[in-house]
């Protein structure tokens, strides 16, 4: 039986919290930020918890979490 491998891209993008939830970075902050307002950039900074609808897909990509 072959080993189950984790998805390399998903390993870099998701992390597990202390309570077992998955965290992700927010979108829309990577580039083209000069024309975006400060409040808009603040809203998109930091991390947030992954939505429950997406958990099954991410768990398949990261079977060892």
PDB file of N, CA and C in Angstrom:
ATOM      1  N   UNK A   1       0.848  -1.186   0.000  1.00  0.00           N
ATOM      2  CA  UNK A   1       0.000   0.000   0.000  1.00  0.00           C
ATOM      3  C   UNK A   1       0.892   1.247   0.000  1.00  0.00           C
ATOM      4  N   UNK A   2       0.697   2.163  -0.950  1.00  0.00           N
ATOM      5  CA  UNK A   2       1.548   3.355  -0.986  1.00  0.00           C
ATOM      6  C   UNK A   2       1.200   4.345   0.121  1.00  0.00           C
ATOM      7  N   UNK A   3       2.158   5.181   0.418  1.00  0.00           N
ATOM      8  CA  UNK A   3       1.929   6.211   1.425  1.00  0.00           C
ATOM      9  C   UNK A   3       0.990   7.278   0.879  1.00  0.00           C
ATOM     10  N   UNK A   4       0.209   7.886   1.744  1.00  0.00           N
ATOM     11  CA  UNK A   4      -0.672   8.985   1.351  1.00  0.00           C
ATOM     12  C   UNK A   4       0.124  10.277   1.477  1.00  0.00           C
ATOM     13  N   UNK A   5       0.199  11.030   0.400  1.00  0.00           N
ATOM     14  CA  UNK A   5       0.972  12.265   0.412  1.00  0.00           C
ATOM     15  C   UNK A   5       0.069  13.464   0.618  1.00  0.00           C
ATOM     16  N   UNK A   6       0.589  14.460   1.307  1.00  0.00           N
ATOM     17  CA  UNK A   6      -0.116  15.722   1.478  1.00  0.00           C
ATOM     18  C   UNK A   6       0.089  16.579   0.243  1.00  0.00           C
ATOM     19  N   UNK A   7      -0.884  17.426  -0.053  1.00  0.00           N
ATOM     20  CA  UNK A   7      -0.795  18.354  -1.171  1.00  0.00           C
ATOM     21  C   UNK A   7       0.202  19.453  -0.805  1.00  0.00           C
ATOM     22  N   UNK A   8       1.250  19.608  -1.617  1.00  0.00           N
ATOM     23  CA  UNK A   8       2.342  20.525  -1.265  1.00  0.00           C
ATOM     24  C   UNK A   8       1.879  21.967  -1.161  1.00  0.00           C
ATOM     25  N   UNK A   9       0.974  22.383  -2.043  1.00  0.00           N
ATOM     26  CA  UNK A   9       0.479  23.761  -1.996  1.00  0.00           C
ATOM     27  C   UNK A   9      -0.381  24.006  -0.774  1.00  0.00           C
ATOM     28  N   UNK A  10      -1.185  23.018  -0.397  1.00  0.00           N
ATOM     29  CA  UNK A  10      -2.052  23.165   0.766  1.00  0.00           C
ATOM     30  C   UNK A  10      -1.239  23.216   2.058  1.00  0.00           C
ATOM     31  N   UNK A  11      -0.127  22.475   2.102  1.00  0.00           N
ATOM     32  CA  UNK A  11       0.722  22.500   3.301  1.00  0.00           C
ATOM     33  C   UNK A  11       1.206  23.910   3.600  1.00  0.00           C
ATOM     34  N   UNK A  12       1.477  24.682   2.523  1.00  0.00           N
ATOM     35  CA  UNK A  12       2.016  26.027   2.692  1.00  0.00           C
ATOM     36  C   UNK A  12       0.941  27.055   3.015  1.00  0.00           C
ATOM     37  N   UNK A  13      -0.325  26.738   2.754  1.00  0.00           N
ATOM     38  CA  UNK A  13      -1.390  27.734   2.853  1.00  0.00           C
ATOM     39  C   UNK A  13      -2.273  27.604   4.083  1.00  0.00           C
ATOM     40  N   UNK A  14      -2.302  26.450   4.716  1.00  0.00           N
ATOM     41  CA  UNK A  14      -3.201  26.220   5.850  1.00  0.00           C
ATOM     42  C   UNK A  14      -2.418  25.799   7.074  1.00  0.00           C
ATOM     43  N   UNK A  15      -2.928  26.188   8.249  1.00  0.00           N
ATOM     44  CA  UNK A  15      -2.317  25.756   9.507  1.00  0.00           C
ATOM     45  C   UNK A  15      -3.426  25.403  10.489  1.00  0.00           C
ATOM     46  N   UNK A  16      -3.105  24.558  11.433  1.00  0.00           N
ATOM     47  CA  UNK A  16      -4.076  24.090  12.406  1.00  0.00           C
ATOM     48  C   UNK A  16      -3.953  24.926  13.675  1.00  0.00           C
ATOM     49  N   UNK A  17      -5.097  25.353  14.215  1.00  0.00           N
ATOM     50  CA  UNK A  17      -5.103  26.105  15.465  1.00  0.00           C
ATOM     51  C   UNK A  17      -4.983  25.130  16.628  1.00  0.00           C
ATOM     52  N   UNK A  18      -4.884  25.666  17.823  1.00  0.00           N
ATOM     53  CA  UNK A  18      -4.770  24.824  19.001  1.00  0.00           C
ATOM     54  C   UNK A  18      -6.006  23.992  19.261  1.00  0.00           C
ATOM     55  N   UNK A  19      -7.174  24.472  18.817  1.00  0.00           N
ATOM     56  CA  UNK A  19      -8.423  23.732  19.018  1.00  0.00           C
ATOM     57  C   UNK A  19      -8.751  22.815  17.845  1.00  0.00           C
ATOM     58  N   UNK A  20      -7.859  22.739  16.840  1.00  0.00           N
ATOM     59  CA  UNK A  20      -8.053  21.817  15.736  1.00  0.00           C
ATOM     60  C   UNK A  20      -8.716  22.413  14.513  1.00  0.00           C
ATOM     61  N   UNK A  21      -9.012  23.713  14.530  1.00  0.00           N
ATOM     62  CA  UNK A  21      -9.603  24.352  13.355  1.00  0.00           C
ATOM     63  C   UNK A  21      -8.503  24.690  12.352  1.00  0.00           C
ATOM     64  N   UNK A  22      -8.882  24.909  11.099  1.00  0.00           N
ATOM     65  CA  UNK A  22      -7.926  25.273  10.064  1.00  0.00           C
ATOM     66  C   UNK A  22      -7.970  26.773   9.828  1.00  0.00           C
ATOM     67  N   UNK A  23      -6.790  27.368   9.728  1.00  0.00           N
ATOM     68  CA  UNK A  23      -6.685  28.803   9.458  1.00  0.00           C
ATOM     69  C   UNK A  23      -6.116  29.022   8.068  1.00  0.00           C
ATOM     70  N   UNK A  24      -6.537  30.123   7.447  1.00  0.00           N
ATOM     71  CA  UNK A  24      -6.044  30.492   6.127  1.00  0.00           C
ATOM     72  C   UNK A  24      -5.792  31.984   6.100  1.00  0.00           C
ATOM     73  N   UNK A  25      -4.989  32.429   5.149  1.00  0.00           N
ATOM     74  CA  UNK A  25      -4.775  33.858   4.955  1.00  0.00           C
ATOM     75  C   UNK A  25      -5.923  34.418   4.144  1.00  0.00           C
ATOM     76  N   UNK A  26      -6.214  35.692   4.329  1.00  0.00           N
ATOM     77  CA  UNK A  26      -7.271  36.337   3.565  1.00  0.00           C
ATOM     78  C   UNK A  26      -6.753  36.754   2.200  1.00  0.00           C
ATOM     79  N   UNK A  27      -7.659  36.833   1.248  1.00  0.00           N
ATOM     80  CA  UNK A  27      -7.308  37.155  -0.135  1.00  0.00           C
ATOM     81  C   UNK A  27      -7.294  38.667  -0.357  1.00  0.00           C
ATOM     82  N   UNK A  28      -6.882  39.083  -1.554  1.00  0.00           N
ATOM     83  CA  UNK A  28      -6.941  40.478  -2.039  1.00  0.00           C
ATOM     84  C   UNK A  28      -5.936  41.395  -1.375  1.00  0.00           C
ATOM     85  N   UNK A  29      -4.834  40.882  -0.867  1.00  0.00           N
ATOM     86  CA  UNK A  29      -3.830  41.742  -0.253  1.00  0.00           C
ATOM     87  C   UNK A  29      -2.454  41.509  -0.869  1.00  0.00           C
ATOM     88  N   UNK A  30      -2.381  40.694  -1.909  1.00  0.00           N
ATOM     89  CA  UNK A  30      -1.089  40.292  -2.436  1.00  0.00           C
ATOM     90  C   UNK A  30      -0.381  41.348  -3.257  1.00  0.00           C
ATOM     91  N   UNK A  31      -1.121  42.052  -4.120  1.00  0.00           N
ATOM     92  CA  UNK A  31      -0.489  43.031  -5.010  1.00  0.00           C
ATOM     93  C   UNK A  31      -1.548  44.030  -5.442  1.00  0.00           C
ATOM     94  N   UNK A  32      -1.137  45.036  -6.203  1.00  0.00           N
ATOM     95  CA  UNK A  32      -2.019  46.127  -6.657  1.00  0.00           C
ATOM     96  C   UNK A  32      -2.665  46.840  -5.470  1.00  0.00           C
ATOM     97  N   UNK A  33      -1.870  47.131  -4.454  1.00  0.00           N
ATOM     98  CA  UNK A  33      -2.408  47.730  -3.238  1.00  0.00           C
ATOM     99  C   UNK A  33      -2.352  49.258  -3.230  1.00  0.00           C
ATOM    100  N   UNK A  34      -1.711  49.863  -4.215  1.00  0.00           N
ATOM    101  CA  UNK A  34      -1.540  51.317  -4.182  1.00  0.00           C
ATOM    102  C   UNK A  34      -2.868  52.050  -4.266  1.00  0.00           C
ATOM    103  N   UNK A  35      -3.821  51.509  -5.016  1.00  0.00           N
ATOM    104  CA  UNK A  35      -5.090  52.220  -5.178  1.00  0.00           C
ATOM    105  C   UNK A  35      -6.139  51.804  -4.151  1.00  0.00           C
ATOM    106  N   UNK A  36      -5.832  50.831  -3.307  1.00  0.00           N
ATOM    107  CA  UNK A  36      -6.795  50.382  -2.296  1.00  0.00           C
ATOM    108  C   UNK A  36      -6.670  51.240  -1.050  1.00  0.00           C
ATOM    109  N   UNK A  37      -7.798  51.511  -0.433  1.00  0.00           N
ATOM    110  CA  UNK A  37      -7.809  52.352   0.762  1.00  0.00           C
ATOM    111  C   UNK A  37      -7.272  51.623   1.976  1.00  0.00           C
ATOM    112  N   UNK A  38      -6.856  52.378   2.998  1.00  0.00           N
ATOM    113  CA  UNK A  38      -6.301  51.752   4.202  1.00  0.00           C
ATOM    114  C   UNK A  38      -7.291  50.833   4.915  1.00  0.00           C
ATOM    115  N   UNK A  39      -8.564  51.213   4.981  1.00  0.00           N
ATOM    116  CA  UNK A  39      -9.551  50.376   5.671  1.00  0.00           C
ATOM    117  C   UNK A  39      -9.740  49.059   4.931  1.00  0.00           C
ATOM    118  N   UNK A  40      -9.738  49.140   3.618  1.00  0.00           N
ATOM    119  CA  UNK A  40      -9.890  47.935   2.803  1.00  0.00           C
ATOM    120  C   UNK A  40      -8.700  47.003   2.995  1.00  0.00           C
ATOM    121  N   UNK A  41      -7.505  47.566   3.080  1.00  0.00           N
ATOM    122  CA  UNK A  41      -6.314  46.735   3.283  1.00  0.00           C
ATOM    123  C   UNK A  41      -6.294  46.131   4.684  1.00  0.00           C
ATOM    124  N   UNK A  42      -6.772  46.857   5.667  1.00  0.00           N
ATOM    125  CA  UNK A  42      -6.838  46.319   7.026  1.00  0.00           C
ATOM    126  C   UNK A  42      -7.824  45.165   7.111  1.00  0.00           C
ATOM    127  N   UNK A  43      -8.949  45.290   6.420  1.00  0.00           N
ATOM    128  CA  UNK A  43      -9.956  44.215   6.438  1.00  0.00           C
ATOM    129  C   UNK A  43      -9.398  42.913   5.885  1.00  0.00           C
ATOM    130  N   UNK A  44      -8.484  43.007   4.941  1.00  0.00           N
ATOM    131  CA  UNK A  44      -7.971  41.820   4.291  1.00  0.00           C
ATOM    132  C   UNK A  44      -6.635  41.342   4.850  1.00  0.00           C
ATOM    133  N   UNK A  45      -6.158  41.909   5.937  1.00  0.00           N
ATOM    134  CA  UNK A  45      -4.898  41.439   6.505  1.00  0.00           C
ATOM    135  C   UNK A  45      -5.179  40.352   7.542  1.00  0.00           C
ATOM    136  N   UNK A  46      -4.174  39.620   7.878  1.00  0.00           N
ATOM    137  CA  UNK A  46      -4.306  38.625   8.924  1.00  0.00           C
ATOM    138  C   UNK A  46      -4.859  37.305   8.428  1.00  0.00           C
ATOM    139  N   UNK A  47      -5.332  36.509   9.361  1.00  0.00           N
ATOM    140  CA  UNK A  47      -5.814  35.161   9.069  1.00  0.00           C
ATOM    141  C   UNK A  47      -7.247  35.015   9.533  1.00  0.00           C
ATOM    142  N   UNK A  48      -7.922  33.993   9.017  1.00  0.00           N
ATOM    143  CA  UNK A  48      -9.286  33.687   9.420  1.00  0.00           C
ATOM    144  C   UNK A  48      -9.482  32.174   9.389  1.00  0.00           C
ATOM    145  N   UNK A  49     -10.568  31.710   9.954  1.00  0.00           N
ATOM    146  CA  UNK A  49     -10.856  30.278  10.017  1.00  0.00           C
ATOM    147  C   UNK A  49     -11.495  29.849   8.699  1.00  0.00           C
ATOM    148  N   UNK A  50     -11.161  28.655   8.236  1.00  0.00           N
ATOM    149  CA  UNK A  50     -11.709  28.118   6.992  1.00  0.00           C
ATOM    150  C   UNK A  50     -13.190  27.812   7.189  1.00  0.00           C
ATOM    151  N   UNK A  51     -14.012  28.106   6.179  1.00  0.00           N
ATOM    152  CA  UNK A  51     -15.444  27.835   6.230  1.00  0.00           C
ATOM    153  C   UNK A  51     -15.710  26.337   6.290  1.00  0.00           C
ATOM    154  N   UNK A  52     -16.788  25.969   6.978  1.00  0.00           N
ATOM    155  CA  UNK A  52     -17.077  24.546   7.165  1.00  0.00           C
ATOM    156  C   UNK A  52     -17.391  23.839   5.851  1.00  0.00           C
ATOM    157  N   UNK A  53     -17.883  24.583   4.840  1.00  0.00           N
ATOM    158  CA  UNK A  53     -18.174  23.973   3.545  1.00  0.00           C
ATOM    159  C   UNK A  53     -16.903  23.526   2.821  1.00  0.00           C
ATOM    160  N   UNK A  54     -15.774  24.174   3.122  1.00  0.00           N
ATOM    161  CA  UNK A  54     -14.520  23.864   2.446  1.00  0.00           C
ATOM    162  C   UNK A  54     -13.655  22.860   3.211  1.00  0.00           C
ATOM    163  N   UNK A  55     -14.045  22.517   4.416  1.00  0.00           N
ATOM    164  CA  UNK A  55     -13.199  21.665   5.253  1.00  0.00           C
ATOM    165  C   UNK A  55     -12.969  20.282   4.655  1.00  0.00           C
ATOM    166  N   UNK A  56     -14.004  19.669   4.081  1.00  0.00           N
ATOM    167  CA  UNK A  56     -13.831  18.308   3.571  1.00  0.00           C
ATOM    168  C   UNK A  56     -12.826  18.277   2.424  1.00  0.00           C
ATOM    169  N   UNK A  57     -12.843  19.296   1.575  1.00  0.00           N
ATOM    170  CA  UNK A  57     -11.900  19.360   0.462  1.00  0.00           C
ATOM    171  C   UNK A  57     -10.467  19.518   0.966  1.00  0.00           C
ATOM    172  N   UNK A  58     -10.282  20.375   1.974  1.00  0.00           N
ATOM    173  CA  UNK A  58      -8.936  20.628   2.486  1.00  0.00           C
ATOM    174  C   UNK A  58      -8.428  19.428   3.284  1.00  0.00           C
ATOM    175  N   UNK A  59      -9.325  18.757   3.988  1.00  0.00           N
ATOM    176  CA  UNK A  59      -8.928  17.547   4.730  1.00  0.00           C
ATOM    177  C   UNK A  59      -8.437  16.447   3.783  1.00  0.00           C
ATOM    178  N   UNK A  60      -8.999  16.389   2.580  1.00  0.00           N
ATOM    179  CA  UNK A  60      -8.523  15.411   1.595  1.00  0.00           C
ATOM    180  C   UNK A  60      -7.112  15.760   1.131  1.00  0.00           C
ATOM    181  N   UNK A  61      -6.834  17.055   1.018  1.00  0.00           N
ATOM    182  CA  UNK A  61      -5.499  17.468   0.577  1.00  0.00           C
ATOM    183  C   UNK A  61      -4.464  17.326   1.683  1.00  0.00           C
ATOM    184  N   UNK A  62      -4.922  17.390   2.944  1.00  0.00           N
ATOM    185  CA  UNK A  62      -4.026  17.291   4.091  1.00  0.00           C
ATOM    186  C   UNK A  62      -4.475  16.132   4.987  1.00  0.00           C
ATOM    187  N   UNK A  63      -4.224  14.905   4.588  1.00  0.00           N
ATOM    188  CA  UNK A  63      -4.759  13.766   5.339  1.00  0.00           C
ATOM    189  C   UNK A  63      -4.106  13.538   6.692  1.00  0.00           C
ATOM    190  N   UNK A  64      -2.946  14.128   6.952  1.00  0.00           N
ATOM    191  CA  UNK A  64      -2.230  13.849   8.195  1.00  0.00           C
ATOM    192  C   UNK A  64      -2.492  14.871   9.290  1.00  0.00           C
ATOM    193  N   UNK A  65      -3.464  15.759   9.103  1.00  0.00           N
ATOM    194  CA  UNK A  65      -3.751  16.763  10.134  1.00  0.00           C
ATOM    195  C   UNK A  65      -4.717  16.228  11.156  1.00  0.00           C
TER     196      UNK A  65
END
